[in-house]
Amino acid sequence: MNIGAKAVNLRKVQQDAENHYRGGFFCCEAVMAAMRENFELDVPEDVIGMASAMSVGAGRSGCMCGALNGGILALGMFFGRTEPRGPKDPEVNKCMSYSNELHNWFKEMNGKKAVCCRVLTREFDMGRGEHKNQCIYYTGICAWKVAEIVCRELGIEVLDSDDEKKEPRERKDIVA
């Protein structure tokens, strides 16, 4: 996979993922679309389709948050392996460390210390109002964090201001 982008704006990645969600993609698809576009990846649009099955907690099962699923899939796209070299392969272990970093960061950021879609959305009507706003936010922050990890690990320049590099935009700014 070739990466065309020499520099990336993390806030733009976040905003693009949120807009993809608003535009009709589910959380997981929106993260993949934002990563593909902002990093100018030479991968087919099929990677977005691949993410469809993981949306809404894996096929509407309500398990792991689809935005987090999208982030994990994106990390695998950047850092995953394609050859079976066993469990001690440093490449796969490094990739798994990035997904673990994203997972733990997401739990901390959502304030509920959870990654389960059902837990994160239980007090909301599915797909409406506050539920949709929350899912847009989670989609954006997962895309932001994945972009931050990718830029850090691959030495891609981050165009954001120093404050914007520290954390994603706050949820209060999200409107469906």
C-alpha atoms as a PDB file:
ATOM      1  CA  MET A   1       0.000   0.000   0.000  1.00  0.00           C
ATOM      2  CA  ASN A   2       1.310   3.404  -0.933  1.00  0.00           C
ATOM      3  CA  ILE A   3       0.534   6.485   1.131  1.00  0.00           C
ATOM      4  CA  GLY A   4       0.292   9.620  -0.983  1.00  0.00           C
ATOM      5  CA  ALA A   5      -0.083  12.143   1.838  1.00  0.00           C
ATOM      6  CA  LYS A   6       3.097  13.799   3.095  1.00  0.00           C
ATOM      7  CA  ALA A   7       1.221  15.774   5.750  1.00  0.00           C
ATOM      8  CA  VAL A   8      -2.166  15.296   7.452  1.00  0.00           C
ATOM      9  CA  ASN A   9      -4.492  17.525   9.452  1.00  0.00           C
ATOM     10  CA  LEU A  10      -5.892  15.452  12.347  1.00  0.00           C
ATOM     11  CA  ARG A  11      -8.910  17.733  12.833  1.00  0.00           C
ATOM     12  CA  LYS A  12      -9.746  17.394   9.137  1.00  0.00           C
ATOM     13  CA  VAL A  13      -9.615  13.595   9.457  1.00  0.00           C
ATOM     14  CA  GLN A  14     -11.997  13.880  12.428  1.00  0.00           C
ATOM     15  CA  GLN A  15     -14.329  16.227  10.566  1.00  0.00           C
ATOM     16  CA  ASP A  16     -14.299  14.104   7.411  1.00  0.00           C
ATOM     17  CA  ALA A  17     -15.201  10.968   9.377  1.00  0.00           C
ATOM     18  CA  GLU A  18     -18.055  12.828  11.087  1.00  0.00           C
ATOM     19  CA  ASN A  19     -19.284  14.144   7.748  1.00  0.00           C
ATOM     20  CA  HIS A  20     -19.157  10.679   6.193  1.00  0.00           C
ATOM     21  CA  TYR A  21     -21.361   9.462   9.047  1.00  0.00           C
ATOM     22  CA  ARG A  22     -23.767  12.342   8.531  1.00  0.00           C
ATOM     23  CA  GLY A  23     -23.712  11.608   4.800  1.00  0.00           C
ATOM     24  CA  GLY A  24     -24.952   8.047   5.109  1.00  0.00           C
ATOM     25  CA  PHE A  25     -22.073   5.805   6.108  1.00  0.00           C
ATOM     26  CA  PHE A  26     -22.122   3.940   9.394  1.00  0.00           C
ATOM     27  CA  CYS A  27     -19.394   4.643  11.955  1.00  0.00           C
ATOM     28  CA  CYS A  28     -16.947   1.951  10.832  1.00  0.00           C
ATOM     29  CA  GLU A  29     -17.285   2.814   7.144  1.00  0.00           C
ATOM     30  CA  ALA A  30     -16.877   6.527   7.871  1.00  0.00           C
ATOM     31  CA  VAL A  31     -13.575   5.958   9.684  1.00  0.00           C
ATOM     32  CA  MET A  32     -12.215   3.871   6.812  1.00  0.00           C
ATOM     33  CA  ALA A  33     -13.349   6.406   4.202  1.00  0.00           C
ATOM     34  CA  ALA A  34     -11.708   9.291   6.083  1.00  0.00           C
ATOM     35  CA  MET A  35      -8.441   7.383   6.448  1.00  0.00           C
ATOM     36  CA  ARG A  36      -8.401   6.345   2.793  1.00  0.00           C
ATOM     37  CA  GLU A  37      -8.997   9.923   1.620  1.00  0.00           C
ATOM     38  CA  ASN A  38      -6.805  11.878   4.010  1.00  0.00           C
ATOM     39  CA  PHE A  39      -3.795   9.606   3.678  1.00  0.00           C
ATOM     40  CA  GLU A  40      -4.354   9.357  -0.093  1.00  0.00           C
ATOM     41  CA  LEU A  41      -4.116   5.575   0.019  1.00  0.00           C
ATOM     42  CA  ASP A  42      -3.881   3.542  -3.150  1.00  0.00           C
ATOM     43  CA  VAL A  43      -6.368   0.976  -1.861  1.00  0.00           C
ATOM     44  CA  PRO A  44      -9.708   0.222  -3.498  1.00  0.00           C
ATOM     45  CA  GLU A  45     -12.970   1.559  -2.135  1.00  0.00           C
ATOM     46  CA  ASP A  46     -13.625  -2.064  -1.191  1.00  0.00           C
ATOM     47  CA  VAL A  47     -11.878  -1.387   2.132  1.00  0.00           C
ATOM     48  CA  ILE A  48     -14.879   0.777   3.015  1.00  0.00           C
ATOM     49  CA  GLY A  49     -17.199  -2.055   2.015  1.00  0.00           C
ATOM     50  CA  MET A  50     -15.163  -4.458   4.128  1.00  0.00           C
ATOM     51  CA  ALA A  51     -15.921  -2.253   7.127  1.00  0.00           C
ATOM     52  CA  SER A  52     -19.696  -2.390   6.560  1.00  0.00           C
ATOM     53  CA  ALA A  53     -20.029  -5.676   8.422  1.00  0.00           C
ATOM     54  CA  MET A  54     -18.390  -4.228  11.538  1.00  0.00           C
ATOM     55  CA  SER A  55     -20.746  -1.257  11.841  1.00  0.00           C
ATOM     56  CA  VAL A  56     -23.191  -0.761  14.719  1.00  0.00           C
ATOM     57  CA  GLY A  57     -21.279  -3.057  17.010  1.00  0.00           C
ATOM     58  CA  ALA A  58     -20.620  -5.761  14.390  1.00  0.00           C
ATOM     59  CA  GLY A  59     -23.713  -6.194  12.249  1.00  0.00           C
ATOM     60  CA  ARG A  60     -26.098  -4.473  14.672  1.00  0.00           C
ATOM     61  CA  SER A  61     -25.184  -6.947  17.415  1.00  0.00           C
ATOM     62  CA  GLY A  62     -24.278  -4.070  19.708  1.00  0.00           C
ATOM     63  CA  CYS A  63     -20.898  -5.535  20.598  1.00  0.00           C
ATOM     64  CA  MET A  64     -17.750  -3.429  20.142  1.00  0.00           C
ATOM     65  CA  CYS A  65     -18.427   0.141  19.006  1.00  0.00           C
ATOM     66  CA  GLY A  66     -18.321   0.316  15.210  1.00  0.00           C
ATOM     67  CA  ALA A  67     -16.187   3.471  15.264  1.00  0.00           C
ATOM     68  CA  LEU A  68     -13.596   1.598  17.313  1.00  0.00           C
ATOM     69  CA  ASN A  69     -13.917  -1.368  14.944  1.00  0.00           C
ATOM     70  CA  GLY A  70     -13.216   0.995  12.044  1.00  0.00           C
ATOM     71  CA  GLY A  71     -10.180   2.381  13.799  1.00  0.00           C
ATOM     72  CA  ILE A  72      -8.814  -1.086  14.453  1.00  0.00           C
ATOM     73  CA  LEU A  73      -9.402  -2.109  10.837  1.00  0.00           C
ATOM     74  CA  ALA A  74      -7.618   1.038   9.663  1.00  0.00           C
ATOM     75  CA  LEU A  75      -4.634   0.302  11.903  1.00  0.00           C
ATOM     76  CA  GLY A  76      -4.479  -3.194  10.433  1.00  0.00           C
ATOM     77  CA  MET A  77      -4.572  -1.714   6.952  1.00  0.00           C
ATOM     78  CA  PHE A  78      -1.522   0.434   7.752  1.00  0.00           C
ATOM     79  CA  PHE A  79       0.462  -1.880  10.008  1.00  0.00           C
ATOM     80  CA  GLY A  80      -0.921  -5.413   9.631  1.00  0.00           C
ATOM     81  CA  ARG A  81       0.920  -8.353   8.150  1.00  0.00           C
ATOM     82  CA  THR A  82       0.127 -10.421   5.100  1.00  0.00           C
ATOM     83  CA  GLU A  83       2.420 -13.405   5.730  1.00  0.00           C
ATOM     84  CA  PRO A  84       1.819 -16.078   8.404  1.00  0.00           C
ATOM     85  CA  ARG A  85       4.899 -15.768  10.629  1.00  0.00           C
ATOM     86  CA  GLY A  86       3.487 -16.980  13.934  1.00  0.00           C
ATOM     87  CA  PRO A  87       2.512 -15.239  17.171  1.00  0.00           C
ATOM     88  CA  LYS A  88       6.003 -13.894  17.913  1.00  0.00           C
ATOM     89  CA  ASP A  89       6.186 -11.941  14.640  1.00  0.00           C
ATOM     90  CA  PRO A  90       7.223  -8.391  15.633  1.00  0.00           C
ATOM     91  CA  GLU A  91       5.116  -6.882  12.832  1.00  0.00           C
ATOM     92  CA  VAL A  92       1.822  -8.303  14.101  1.00  0.00           C
ATOM     93  CA  ASN A  93       2.708  -7.571  17.709  1.00  0.00           C
ATOM     94  CA  LYS A  94       3.464  -3.945  16.896  1.00  0.00           C
ATOM     95  CA  CYS A  95       0.138  -3.690  15.037  1.00  0.00           C
ATOM     96  CA  MET A  96      -1.700  -5.199  17.997  1.00  0.00           C
ATOM     97  CA  SER A  97       0.005  -2.725  20.348  1.00  0.00           C
ATOM     98  CA  TYR A  98      -1.454   0.138  18.276  1.00  0.00           C
ATOM     99  CA  SER A  99      -4.960  -1.341  18.396  1.00  0.00           C
ATOM    100  CA  ASN A 100      -4.557  -1.827  22.151  1.00  0.00           C
ATOM    101  CA  GLU A 101      -3.501   1.819  22.456  1.00  0.00           C
ATOM    102  CA  LEU A 102      -6.594   2.906  20.501  1.00  0.00           C
ATOM    103  CA  HIS A 103      -8.869   0.632  22.556  1.00  0.00           C
ATOM    104  CA  ASN A 104      -7.604   1.909  25.902  1.00  0.00           C
ATOM    105  CA  TRP A 105      -7.630   5.536  24.733  1.00  0.00           C
ATOM    106  CA  PHE A 106     -11.223   5.188  23.490  1.00  0.00           C
ATOM    107  CA  LYS A 107     -12.380   3.818  26.852  1.00  0.00           C
ATOM    108  CA  GLU A 108     -10.756   6.761  28.589  1.00  0.00           C
ATOM    109  CA  MET A 109     -12.190   9.316  26.133  1.00  0.00           C
ATOM    110  CA  ASN A 110     -15.779   8.102  26.318  1.00  0.00           C
ATOM    111  CA  GLY A 111     -15.825   8.423  30.096  1.00  0.00           C
ATOM    112  CA  LYS A 112     -17.757   5.189  30.488  1.00  0.00           C
ATOM    113  CA  LYS A 113     -14.731   2.925  30.405  1.00  0.00           C
ATOM    114  CA  ALA A 114     -16.584   0.774  27.891  1.00  0.00           C
ATOM    115  CA  VAL A 115     -16.280  -0.215  24.247  1.00  0.00           C
ATOM    116  CA  CYS A 116     -19.572  -2.086  23.903  1.00  0.00           C
ATOM    117  CA  CYS A 117     -22.047  -0.333  21.589  1.00  0.00           C
ATOM    118  CA  ARG A 118     -24.990  -1.454  23.765  1.00  0.00           C
ATOM    119  CA  VAL A 119     -23.403   0.043  26.883  1.00  0.00           C
ATOM    120  CA  LEU A 120     -22.457   3.274  25.131  1.00  0.00           C
ATOM    121  CA  THR A 121     -25.928   3.786  23.636  1.00  0.00           C
ATOM    122  CA  ARG A 122     -28.332   2.158  26.100  1.00  0.00           C
ATOM    123  CA  GLU A 123     -30.017   5.380  27.216  1.00  0.00           C
ATOM    124  CA  PHE A 124     -30.683   6.627  23.671  1.00  0.00           C
ATOM    125  CA  ASP A 125     -33.156   5.933  20.870  1.00  0.00           C
ATOM    126  CA  MET A 126     -31.180   4.216  18.114  1.00  0.00           C
ATOM    127  CA  GLY A 127     -30.141   6.571  15.313  1.00  0.00           C
ATOM    128  CA  ARG A 128     -31.866   9.660  16.693  1.00  0.00           C
ATOM    129  CA  GLY A 129     -30.886  12.887  18.423  1.00  0.00           C
ATOM    130  CA  GLU A 130     -28.350  12.405  21.177  1.00  0.00           C
ATOM    131  CA  HIS A 131     -27.555   8.849  20.044  1.00  0.00           C
ATOM    132  CA  LYS A 132     -26.629  10.028  16.586  1.00  0.00           C
ATOM    133  CA  ASN A 133     -24.596  12.947  17.964  1.00  0.00           C
ATOM    134  CA  GLN A 134     -22.682  10.594  20.241  1.00  0.00           C
ATOM    135  CA  CYS A 135     -21.959   8.153  17.409  1.00  0.00           C
ATOM    136  CA  ILE A 136     -20.788  10.985  15.158  1.00  0.00           C
ATOM    137  CA  TYR A 137     -18.450  12.088  17.943  1.00  0.00           C
ATOM    138  CA  TYR A 138     -17.076   8.583  18.545  1.00  0.00           C
ATOM    139  CA  THR A 139     -16.554   8.161  14.806  1.00  0.00           C
ATOM    140  CA  GLY A 140     -14.592  11.396  14.635  1.00  0.00           C
ATOM    141  CA  ILE A 141     -12.423  10.779  17.679  1.00  0.00           C
ATOM    142  CA  CYS A 142     -11.520   7.267  16.547  1.00  0.00           C
ATOM    143  CA  ALA A 143     -10.482   8.599  13.141  1.00  0.00           C
ATOM    144  CA  TRP A 144      -8.493  11.391  14.853  1.00  0.00           C
ATOM    145  CA  LYS A 145      -6.623   8.942  17.098  1.00  0.00           C
ATOM    146  CA  VAL A 146      -5.872   6.507  14.285  1.00  0.00           C
ATOM    147  CA  ALA A 147      -4.510   9.385  12.198  1.00  0.00           C
ATOM    148  CA  GLU A 148      -2.414  10.521  15.159  1.00  0.00           C
ATOM    149  CA  ILE A 149      -0.934   7.015  15.593  1.00  0.00           C
ATOM    150  CA  VAL A 150      -0.282   6.616  11.861  1.00  0.00           C
ATOM    151  CA  CYS A 151       1.416  10.003  11.592  1.00  0.00           C
ATOM    152  CA  ARG A 152       3.514   9.357  14.686  1.00  0.00           C
ATOM    153  CA  GLU A 153       4.635   5.890  13.622  1.00  0.00           C
ATOM    154  CA  LEU A 154       5.233   6.640   9.951  1.00  0.00           C
ATOM    155  CA  GLY A 155       6.761  10.072  10.437  1.00  0.00           C
ATOM    156  CA  ILE A 156       4.016  11.884   8.525  1.00  0.00           C
ATOM    157  CA  GLU A 157       3.854  15.598   9.261  1.00  0.00           C
ATOM    158  CA  VAL A 158       0.869  16.766  11.318  1.00  0.00           C
ATOM    159  CA  LEU A 159      -0.488  20.111  10.143  1.00  0.00           C
ATOM    160  CA  ASP A 160      -2.604  20.925  13.206  1.00  0.00           C
ATOM    161  CA  SER A 161      -1.658  23.541  15.797  1.00  0.00           C
ATOM    162  CA  ASP A 162       0.068  22.270  18.937  1.00  0.00           C
ATOM    163  CA  ASP A 163      -3.227  22.343  20.882  1.00  0.00           C
ATOM    164  CA  GLU A 164      -5.099  20.480  18.129  1.00  0.00           C
ATOM    165  CA  LYS A 165      -2.424  17.752  18.122  1.00  0.00           C
ATOM    166  CA  LYS A 166      -3.095  16.971  21.796  1.00  0.00           C
ATOM    167  CA  GLU A 167      -6.698  15.825  21.567  1.00  0.00           C
ATOM    168  CA  PRO A 168      -9.676  15.778  19.216  1.00  0.00           C
ATOM    169  CA  ARG A 169     -12.392  18.421  19.103  1.00  0.00           C
ATOM    170  CA  GLU A 170     -14.780  18.210  22.028  1.00  0.00           C
ATOM    171  CA  ARG A 171     -18.187  16.607  21.791  1.00  0.00           C
ATOM    172  CA  LYS A 172     -20.097  19.814  22.521  1.00  0.00           C
ATOM    173  CA  ASP A 173     -19.266  20.892  18.970  1.00  0.00           C
ATOM    174  CA  ILE A 174     -21.028  17.904  17.385  1.00  0.00           C
ATOM    175  CA  VAL A 175     -24.393  18.440  15.724  1.00  0.00           C
ATOM    176  CA  ALA A 176     -26.111  15.807  13.619  1.00  0.00           C
END
